[in-house]
Amino acid sequence: MNLRPIVAGNWKMHKTPTEGASFVETTVNLLLDIQHVSVIFAPPFTGLFDMDVPPPFYSAAQNCHWEEKGAFTGEISVSMIQECGAEFVILGHSERRHVFGESDDWINRKVKAVLAGDLKPILCVGETLDQREAGQTELVLKSQLEQGLASMDSLKEIVIAYEPVWAIGTGVTANNEQVELAHTSVRKILKELYPESYNIHVLYGGSVKPGNAEELIQVPGVNGFLIGGASLDVESFTSITRTVETVQMRTL
């Protein structure tokens, strides 16, 4: 299995539309020669307007609602995202789960809505520090994947992102063994749910930086990154992307 790696930048609540447009223009110009990596920008909803980027560059929303329209103040539908030109939607991020209280049932509804709208979900899963210390990592991953992917016909258009909650924005990075074990668990669970899932992207997210990107991208089972803080800086983001490109070229 030699999937084309994905490097996705989740800006969270950063960058105005003007700042985002400048960032994307600069980044794309610096990476025009990239041939073996797909690069995804995930700005706040307001930053999706006019983000017209050519492949291998894409845009993603950070969330959505599962209903098409209605009295849901502050929410955004899949069709609204679609009209902005985005091709991906991040769902189930730990901040949505733990800060905003989103349940696996809600996340599952969103996954279905995104797929019905012909967009691609990036489903995030991961354990907290307490859960890891209690030896519950695989149990948590199994529950989140089973419930988040319930009633799917296929995983063909779905990207999974493993993000240990204790390593997001903390400066702490899971070591190679921890990452490999978690990705192995994710793939085992996916295969049990959907036997054809061997060709599904599983990204790693958790304090990925230019200094550790080369090591992490070579961990078995890692098909790219979902990056937070380092995706806000042009130099850091382009450096990580070029590292992934270089490593990928060695395998071709």
C-alpha atoms as a PDB file:
ATOM      1  CA  MET A   1       0.000   0.000   0.000  1.00  0.00           C
ATOM      2  CA  ASN A   2       1.536   3.290  -1.118  1.00  0.00           C
ATOM      3  CA  LEU A   3      -1.136   5.943  -0.786  1.00  0.00           C
ATOM      4  CA  ARG A   4      -0.460   9.512  -1.817  1.00  0.00           C
ATOM      5  CA  PRO A   5       0.219  11.287   1.505  1.00  0.00           C
ATOM      6  CA  ILE A   6      -2.005  14.100   2.735  1.00  0.00           C
ATOM      7  CA  VAL A   7      -0.762  17.151   4.635  1.00  0.00           C
ATOM      8  CA  ALA A   8      -3.760  19.021   6.051  1.00  0.00           C
ATOM      9  CA  GLY A   9      -3.590  22.251   8.015  1.00  0.00           C
ATOM     10  CA  ASN A  10      -6.366  22.908  10.539  1.00  0.00           C
ATOM     11  CA  TRP A  11      -6.246  26.637  11.246  1.00  0.00           C
ATOM     12  CA  LYS A  12      -8.901  26.419  13.980  1.00  0.00           C
ATOM     13  CA  MET A  13     -10.049  29.956  14.928  1.00  0.00           C
ATOM     14  CA  HIS A  14      -7.135  31.774  13.336  1.00  0.00           C
ATOM     15  CA  LYS A  15      -6.662  34.048  10.316  1.00  0.00           C
ATOM     16  CA  THR A  16      -9.133  36.533   8.886  1.00  0.00           C
ATOM     17  CA  PRO A  17     -10.194  35.955   5.267  1.00  0.00           C
ATOM     18  CA  THR A  18      -7.558  38.435   4.081  1.00  0.00           C
ATOM     19  CA  GLU A  19      -4.827  36.812   6.155  1.00  0.00           C
ATOM     20  CA  GLY A  20      -5.895  33.378   4.994  1.00  0.00           C
ATOM     21  CA  ALA A  21      -5.919  34.329   1.325  1.00  0.00           C
ATOM     22  CA  SER A  22      -2.406  35.748   1.620  1.00  0.00           C
ATOM     23  CA  PHE A  23      -1.204  32.635   3.447  1.00  0.00           C
ATOM     24  CA  VAL A  24      -2.646  30.292   0.822  1.00  0.00           C
ATOM     25  CA  GLU A  25      -1.250  32.300  -2.097  1.00  0.00           C
ATOM     26  CA  THR A  26       2.231  32.354  -0.581  1.00  0.00           C
ATOM     27  CA  THR A  27       2.154  28.675   0.360  1.00  0.00           C
ATOM     28  CA  VAL A  28       0.892  27.500  -3.034  1.00  0.00           C
ATOM     29  CA  ASN A  29       3.558  29.544  -4.826  1.00  0.00           C
ATOM     30  CA  LEU A  30       6.261  27.983  -2.652  1.00  0.00           C
ATOM     31  CA  LEU A  31       4.962  24.465  -3.313  1.00  0.00           C
ATOM     32  CA  LEU A  32       4.157  24.650  -7.021  1.00  0.00           C
ATOM     33  CA  ASP A  33       6.568  21.823  -7.768  1.00  0.00           C
ATOM     34  CA  ILE A  34       4.954  19.389  -5.313  1.00  0.00           C
ATOM     35  CA  GLN A  35       3.921  16.217  -7.165  1.00  0.00           C
ATOM     36  CA  HIS A  36       3.437  13.443  -4.622  1.00  0.00           C
ATOM     37  CA  VAL A  37       1.522  15.052  -1.723  1.00  0.00           C
ATOM     38  CA  SER A  38      -2.031  16.382  -1.427  1.00  0.00           C
ATOM     39  CA  VAL A  39      -2.187  19.611   0.577  1.00  0.00           C
ATOM     40  CA  ILE A  40      -5.370  20.686   2.362  1.00  0.00           C
ATOM     41  CA  PHE A  41      -6.110  24.087   3.914  1.00  0.00           C
ATOM     42  CA  ALA A  42      -8.856  24.120   6.568  1.00  0.00           C
ATOM     43  CA  PRO A  43      -9.657  27.752   7.456  1.00  0.00           C
ATOM     44  CA  PRO A  44     -12.575  29.041   9.518  1.00  0.00           C
ATOM     45  CA  PHE A  45     -15.823  29.062   7.515  1.00  0.00           C
ATOM     46  CA  THR A  46     -15.312  32.701   6.458  1.00  0.00           C
ATOM     47  CA  GLY A  47     -11.989  31.763   4.889  1.00  0.00           C
ATOM     48  CA  LEU A  48     -13.575  29.262   2.512  1.00  0.00           C
ATOM     49  CA  PHE A  49     -14.972  31.996   0.290  1.00  0.00           C
ATOM     50  CA  ASP A  50     -12.902  32.487  -2.852  1.00  0.00           C
ATOM     51  CA  MET A  51     -10.317  29.891  -1.823  1.00  0.00           C
ATOM     52  CA  ASP A  52      -9.875  28.657  -5.352  1.00  0.00           C
ATOM     53  CA  VAL A  53      -6.841  26.383  -5.323  1.00  0.00           C
ATOM     54  CA  PRO A  54      -5.831  23.869  -8.004  1.00  0.00           C
ATOM     55  CA  PRO A  55      -4.914  20.233  -7.280  1.00  0.00           C
ATOM     56  CA  PRO A  56      -2.888  19.005  -5.499  1.00  0.00           C
ATOM     57  CA  PHE A  57      -4.175  21.764  -3.203  1.00  0.00           C
ATOM     58  CA  TYR A  58      -7.635  21.540  -1.646  1.00  0.00           C
ATOM     59  CA  SER A  59      -9.764  23.279   0.966  1.00  0.00           C
ATOM     60  CA  ALA A  60     -11.683  21.831   3.894  1.00  0.00           C
ATOM     61  CA  ALA A  61     -14.288  23.048   6.343  1.00  0.00           C
ATOM     62  CA  GLN A  62     -13.632  22.457  10.036  1.00  0.00           C
ATOM     63  CA  ASN A  63     -17.139  21.224  10.823  1.00  0.00           C
ATOM     64  CA  CYS A  64     -20.720  21.177   9.530  1.00  0.00           C
ATOM     65  CA  HIS A  65     -24.296  20.418  10.533  1.00  0.00           C
ATOM     66  CA  TRP A  66     -26.046  17.285   9.304  1.00  0.00           C
ATOM     67  CA  GLU A  67     -29.275  19.082   8.347  1.00  0.00           C
ATOM     68  CA  GLU A  68     -29.551  20.767   4.968  1.00  0.00           C
ATOM     69  CA  LYS A  69     -31.279  23.863   6.355  1.00  0.00           C
ATOM     70  CA  GLY A  70     -33.406  25.001   9.268  1.00  0.00           C
ATOM     71  CA  ALA A  71     -33.492  26.920  12.528  1.00  0.00           C
ATOM     72  CA  PHE A  72     -29.924  26.088  13.573  1.00  0.00           C
ATOM     73  CA  THR A  73     -28.400  29.441  14.467  1.00  0.00           C
ATOM     74  CA  GLY A  74     -24.659  29.543  13.911  1.00  0.00           C
ATOM     75  CA  GLU A  75     -24.507  26.298  11.941  1.00  0.00           C
ATOM     76  CA  ILE A  76     -23.315  25.639   8.384  1.00  0.00           C
ATOM     77  CA  SER A  77     -24.737  23.016   6.006  1.00  0.00           C
ATOM     78  CA  VAL A  78     -22.889  20.738   3.621  1.00  0.00           C
ATOM     79  CA  SER A  79     -24.332  22.499   0.566  1.00  0.00           C
ATOM     80  CA  MET A  80     -23.032  25.845   1.855  1.00  0.00           C
ATOM     81  CA  ILE A  81     -19.578  24.327   2.191  1.00  0.00           C
ATOM     82  CA  GLN A  82     -19.891  22.685  -1.196  1.00  0.00           C
ATOM     83  CA  GLU A  83     -20.704  25.984  -2.905  1.00  0.00           C
ATOM     84  CA  CYS A  84     -17.541  27.498  -1.439  1.00  0.00           C
ATOM     85  CA  GLY A  85     -15.545  24.888  -3.345  1.00  0.00           C
ATOM     86  CA  ALA A  86     -14.319  22.812  -0.421  1.00  0.00           C
ATOM     87  CA  GLU A  87     -13.831  19.091  -0.965  1.00  0.00           C
ATOM     88  CA  PHE A  88     -13.209  17.937   2.609  1.00  0.00           C
ATOM     89  CA  VAL A  89     -14.818  18.442   6.029  1.00  0.00           C
ATOM     90  CA  ILE A  90     -13.059  17.771   9.335  1.00  0.00           C
ATOM     91  CA  LEU A  91     -15.393  16.001  11.768  1.00  0.00           C
ATOM     92  CA  GLY A  92     -15.088  14.793  15.348  1.00  0.00           C
ATOM     93  CA  HIS A  93     -12.013  16.836  16.229  1.00  0.00           C
ATOM     94  CA  SER A  94     -11.180  16.522  19.908  1.00  0.00           C
ATOM     95  CA  GLU A  95     -12.109  20.160  20.489  1.00  0.00           C
ATOM     96  CA  ARG A  96     -15.566  19.489  19.043  1.00  0.00           C
ATOM     97  CA  ARG A  97     -15.900  16.396  21.216  1.00  0.00           C
ATOM     98  CA  HIS A  98     -14.474  17.691  24.493  1.00  0.00           C
ATOM     99  CA  VAL A  99     -15.053  21.465  24.368  1.00  0.00           C
ATOM    100  CA  PHE A 100     -18.392  21.549  22.556  1.00  0.00           C
ATOM    101  CA  GLY A 101     -19.734  18.182  23.688  1.00  0.00           C
ATOM    102  CA  GLU A 102     -20.365  16.569  20.312  1.00  0.00           C
ATOM    103  CA  SER A 103     -21.430  12.946  20.623  1.00  0.00           C
ATOM    104  CA  ASP A 104     -20.490  10.029  18.383  1.00  0.00           C
ATOM    105  CA  ASP A 105     -24.104   9.982  17.177  1.00  0.00           C
ATOM    106  CA  TRP A 106     -23.876  13.609  16.060  1.00  0.00           C
ATOM    107  CA  ILE A 107     -20.552  12.934  14.376  1.00  0.00           C
ATOM    108  CA  ASN A 108     -22.005   9.916  12.570  1.00  0.00           C
ATOM    109  CA  ARG A 109     -24.879  12.031  11.246  1.00  0.00           C
ATOM    110  CA  LYS A 110     -22.359  14.564   9.974  1.00  0.00           C
ATOM    111  CA  VAL A 111     -20.250  11.908   8.261  1.00  0.00           C
ATOM    112  CA  LYS A 112     -23.351  10.663   6.442  1.00  0.00           C
ATOM    113  CA  ALA A 113     -24.369  14.196   5.437  1.00  0.00           C
ATOM    114  CA  VAL A 114     -20.899  14.988   4.096  1.00  0.00           C
ATOM    115  CA  LEU A 115     -20.810  11.798   2.026  1.00  0.00           C
ATOM    116  CA  ALA A 116     -24.334  12.449   0.734  1.00  0.00           C
ATOM    117  CA  GLY A 117     -23.089  15.846  -0.427  1.00  0.00           C
ATOM    118  CA  ASP A 118     -20.228  14.235  -2.359  1.00  0.00           C
ATOM    119  CA  LEU A 119     -17.600  15.684  -0.047  1.00  0.00           C
ATOM    120  CA  LYS A 120     -14.957  13.745   1.882  1.00  0.00           C
ATOM    121  CA  PRO A 121     -14.992  13.548   5.695  1.00  0.00           C
ATOM    122  CA  ILE A 122     -11.791  13.620   7.715  1.00  0.00           C
ATOM    123  CA  LEU A 123     -12.952  11.768  10.820  1.00  0.00           C
ATOM    124  CA  CYS A 124     -10.825  12.443  13.901  1.00  0.00           C
ATOM    125  CA  VAL A 125     -10.424   9.895  16.680  1.00  0.00           C
ATOM    126  CA  GLY A 126      -8.180   9.772  19.719  1.00  0.00           C
ATOM    127  CA  GLU A 127      -7.896   9.178  23.437  1.00  0.00           C
ATOM    128  CA  THR A 128      -7.361  11.531  26.376  1.00  0.00           C
ATOM    129  CA  LEU A 129      -4.399  11.213  28.723  1.00  0.00           C
ATOM    130  CA  ASP A 130      -6.571   9.622  31.422  1.00  0.00           C
ATOM    131  CA  GLN A 131      -7.863   7.061  28.941  1.00  0.00           C
ATOM    132  CA  ARG A 132      -4.350   6.218  27.759  1.00  0.00           C
ATOM    133  CA  GLU A 133      -3.028   5.847  31.311  1.00  0.00           C
ATOM    134  CA  ALA A 134      -5.969   3.564  32.082  1.00  0.00           C
ATOM    135  CA  GLY A 135      -5.030   1.338  29.131  1.00  0.00           C
ATOM    136  CA  GLN A 136      -8.205   2.245  27.248  1.00  0.00           C
ATOM    137  CA  THR A 137      -6.695   3.575  24.012  1.00  0.00           C
ATOM    138  CA  GLU A 138      -7.863   0.749  21.753  1.00  0.00           C
ATOM    139  CA  LEU A 139     -11.254   0.609  23.464  1.00  0.00           C
ATOM    140  CA  VAL A 140     -11.779   4.336  22.869  1.00  0.00           C
ATOM    141  CA  LEU A 141     -10.664   4.119  19.241  1.00  0.00           C
ATOM    142  CA  LYS A 142     -12.953   1.139  18.628  1.00  0.00           C
ATOM    143  CA  SER A 143     -15.942   2.937  20.128  1.00  0.00           C
ATOM    144  CA  GLN A 144     -15.322   6.169  18.204  1.00  0.00           C
ATOM    145  CA  LEU A 145     -14.801   4.352  14.903  1.00  0.00           C
ATOM    146  CA  GLU A 146     -17.725   1.954  15.307  1.00  0.00           C
ATOM    147  CA  GLN A 147     -20.153   4.714  16.239  1.00  0.00           C
ATOM    148  CA  GLY A 148     -18.749   7.395  13.951  1.00  0.00           C
ATOM    149  CA  LEU A 149     -18.839   5.075  10.940  1.00  0.00           C
ATOM    150  CA  ALA A 150     -22.090   3.281  11.765  1.00  0.00           C
ATOM    151  CA  SER A 151     -24.220   2.285   8.770  1.00  0.00           C
ATOM    152  CA  MET A 152     -21.621   3.203   6.163  1.00  0.00           C
ATOM    153  CA  ASP A 153     -21.774   1.349   2.850  1.00  0.00           C
ATOM    154  CA  SER A 154     -18.080   1.916   2.220  1.00  0.00           C
ATOM    155  CA  LEU A 155     -15.094   3.838   3.589  1.00  0.00           C
ATOM    156  CA  LYS A 156     -13.802   4.663   0.118  1.00  0.00           C
ATOM    157  CA  GLU A 157     -14.178   8.449   0.432  1.00  0.00           C
ATOM    158  CA  ILE A 158     -13.321   8.705   4.138  1.00  0.00           C
ATOM    159  CA  VAL A 159     -10.056   9.853   5.700  1.00  0.00           C
ATOM    160  CA  ILE A 160      -9.285   8.958   9.319  1.00  0.00           C
ATOM    161  CA  ALA A 161      -7.093  11.143  11.517  1.00  0.00           C
ATOM    162  CA  TYR A 162      -5.664   9.711  14.728  1.00  0.00           C
ATOM    163  CA  GLU A 163      -5.072  12.540  17.184  1.00  0.00           C
ATOM    164  CA  PRO A 164      -4.109  11.675  20.760  1.00  0.00           C
ATOM    165  CA  VAL A 165      -5.881  14.403  22.721  1.00  0.00           C
ATOM    166  CA  TRP A 166      -2.977  14.682  25.149  1.00  0.00           C
ATOM    167  CA  ALA A 167      -0.621  15.618  22.288  1.00  0.00           C
ATOM    168  CA  ILE A 168      -2.733  18.304  20.607  1.00  0.00           C
ATOM    169  CA  GLY A 169      -1.363  21.797  21.125  1.00  0.00           C
ATOM    170  CA  THR A 170       0.649  20.669  24.142  1.00  0.00           C
ATOM    171  CA  GLY A 171       4.061  20.429  22.507  1.00  0.00           C
ATOM    172  CA  VAL A 172       4.075  16.756  23.515  1.00  0.00           C
ATOM    173  CA  THR A 173       4.327  14.306  20.632  1.00  0.00           C
ATOM    174  CA  ALA A 174       3.493  10.641  20.878  1.00  0.00           C
ATOM    175  CA  ASN A 175       6.645   8.590  20.371  1.00  0.00           C
ATOM    176  CA  ASN A 176       7.034   6.391  17.313  1.00  0.00           C
ATOM    177  CA  GLU A 177       5.971   3.239  19.113  1.00  0.00           C
ATOM    178  CA  GLN A 178       2.820   4.882  20.480  1.00  0.00           C
ATOM    179  CA  VAL A 179       1.914   6.242  17.046  1.00  0.00           C
ATOM    180  CA  GLU A 180       2.528   2.903  15.331  1.00  0.00           C
ATOM    181  CA  LEU A 181       0.510   0.958  17.899  1.00  0.00           C
ATOM    182  CA  ALA A 182      -2.395   3.389  17.641  1.00  0.00           C
ATOM    183  CA  HIS A 183      -2.393   3.345  13.837  1.00  0.00           C
ATOM    184  CA  THR A 184      -2.189  -0.446  13.879  1.00  0.00           C
ATOM    185  CA  SER A 185      -5.216  -0.505  16.181  1.00  0.00           C
ATOM    186  CA  VAL A 186      -7.125   1.888  13.925  1.00  0.00           C
ATOM    187  CA  ARG A 187      -6.434  -0.236  10.851  1.00  0.00           C
ATOM    188  CA  LYS A 188      -7.350  -3.451  12.654  1.00  0.00           C
ATOM    189  CA  ILE A 189     -10.660  -1.962  13.769  1.00  0.00           C
ATOM    190  CA  LEU A 190     -11.382  -0.589  10.293  1.00  0.00           C
ATOM    191  CA  LYS A 191     -10.642  -3.940   8.690  1.00  0.00           C
ATOM    192  CA  GLU A 192     -13.040  -5.643  11.081  1.00  0.00           C
ATOM    193  CA  LEU A 193     -15.749  -3.114  10.213  1.00  0.00           C
ATOM    194  CA  TYR A 194     -15.009  -2.872   6.498  1.00  0.00           C
ATOM    195  CA  PRO A 195     -12.627  -5.467   4.984  1.00  0.00           C
ATOM    196  CA  GLU A 196     -11.775  -3.201   2.034  1.00  0.00           C
ATOM    197  CA  SER A 197     -10.432  -0.455   4.296  1.00  0.00           C
ATOM    198  CA  TYR A 198      -6.803  -1.440   3.767  1.00  0.00           C
ATOM    199  CA  ASN A 199      -6.465   1.467   1.323  1.00  0.00           C
ATOM    200  CA  ILE A 200      -7.842   4.154   3.638  1.00  0.00           C
ATOM    201  CA  HIS A 201      -5.705   7.146   4.618  1.00  0.00           C
ATOM    202  CA  VAL A 202      -4.946   7.299   8.338  1.00  0.00           C
ATOM    203  CA  LEU A 203      -3.320  10.618   9.236  1.00  0.00           C
ATOM    204  CA  TYR A 204      -1.465  11.468  12.426  1.00  0.00           C
ATOM    205  CA  GLY A 205      -2.091  14.701  14.294  1.00  0.00           C
ATOM    206  CA  GLY A 206      -0.494  15.837  17.524  1.00  0.00           C
ATOM    207  CA  SER A 207       2.189  18.551  17.723  1.00  0.00           C
ATOM    208  CA  VAL A 208       3.633  17.732  14.291  1.00  0.00           C
ATOM    209  CA  LYS A 209       6.512  20.111  13.518  1.00  0.00           C
ATOM    210  CA  PRO A 210       9.289  20.467  10.930  1.00  0.00           C
ATOM    211  CA  GLY A 211      11.685  18.854  13.405  1.00  0.00           C
ATOM    212  CA  ASN A 212       9.712  15.611  13.836  1.00  0.00           C
ATOM    213  CA  ALA A 213       7.862  15.325  10.499  1.00  0.00           C
ATOM    214  CA  GLU A 214      10.451  13.120   8.780  1.00  0.00           C
ATOM    215  CA  GLU A 215      10.486  10.649  11.644  1.00  0.00           C
ATOM    216  CA  LEU A 216       6.699  10.537  12.001  1.00  0.00           C
ATOM    217  CA  ILE A 217       5.864  10.169   8.305  1.00  0.00           C
ATOM    218  CA  GLN A 218       8.001   7.030   8.200  1.00  0.00           C
ATOM    219  CA  VAL A 219       6.090   5.338  11.014  1.00  0.00           C
ATOM    220  CA  PRO A 220       4.259   2.332   9.515  1.00  0.00           C
ATOM    221  CA  GLY A 221       0.593   3.079   8.902  1.00  0.00           C
ATOM    222  CA  VAL A 222       0.960   6.880   8.810  1.00  0.00           C
ATOM    223  CA  ASN A 223      -0.303   8.334   5.507  1.00  0.00           C
ATOM    224  CA  GLY A 224       0.148  12.001   6.294  1.00  0.00           C
ATOM    225  CA  PHE A 225      -0.651  14.617   8.898  1.00  0.00           C
ATOM    226  CA  LEU A 226      -3.466  16.755  10.260  1.00  0.00           C
ATOM    227  CA  ILE A 227      -1.547  19.737  11.603  1.00  0.00           C
ATOM    228  CA  GLY A 228      -2.669  22.458  13.996  1.00  0.00           C
ATOM    229  CA  GLY A 229      -0.214  25.071  15.225  1.00  0.00           C
ATOM    230  CA  ALA A 230       2.493  24.463  12.632  1.00  0.00           C
ATOM    231  CA  SER A 231      -0.040  24.950   9.821  1.00  0.00           C
ATOM    232  CA  LEU A 232      -0.373  28.636  10.728  1.00  0.00           C
ATOM    233  CA  ASP A 233       3.184  29.494   9.733  1.00  0.00           C
ATOM    234  CA  VAL A 234       4.177  29.426   6.060  1.00  0.00           C
ATOM    235  CA  GLU A 235       7.739  28.314   6.709  1.00  0.00           C
ATOM    236  CA  SER A 236       6.739  25.498   9.072  1.00  0.00           C
ATOM    237  CA  PHE A 237       3.877  24.235   6.911  1.00  0.00           C
ATOM    238  CA  THR A 238       5.867  24.252   3.674  1.00  0.00           C
ATOM    239  CA  SER A 239       8.818  22.599   5.411  1.00  0.00           C
ATOM    240  CA  ILE A 240       6.640  19.742   6.669  1.00  0.00           C
ATOM    241  CA  THR A 241       5.060  19.315   3.238  1.00  0.00           C
ATOM    242  CA  ARG A 242       8.448  19.184   1.512  1.00  0.00           C
ATOM    243  CA  THR A 243       9.658  16.634   4.041  1.00  0.00           C
ATOM    244  CA  VAL A 244       6.680  14.398   3.285  1.00  0.00           C
ATOM    245  CA  GLU A 245       7.265  14.865  -0.450  1.00  0.00           C
ATOM    246  CA  THR A 246      10.928  13.870  -0.120  1.00  0.00           C
ATOM    247  CA  VAL A 247      10.155  10.763   1.918  1.00  0.00           C
ATOM    248  CA  GLN A 248       7.390   9.770  -0.486  1.00  0.00           C
ATOM    249  CA  MET A 249       9.687  10.103  -3.496  1.00  0.00           C
ATOM    250  CA  ARG A 250      12.080   7.595  -1.933  1.00  0.00           C
ATOM    251  CA  THR A 251       9.347   4.961  -1.943  1.00  0.00           C
ATOM    252  CA  LEU A 252       8.379   5.393  -5.599  1.00  0.00           C
END
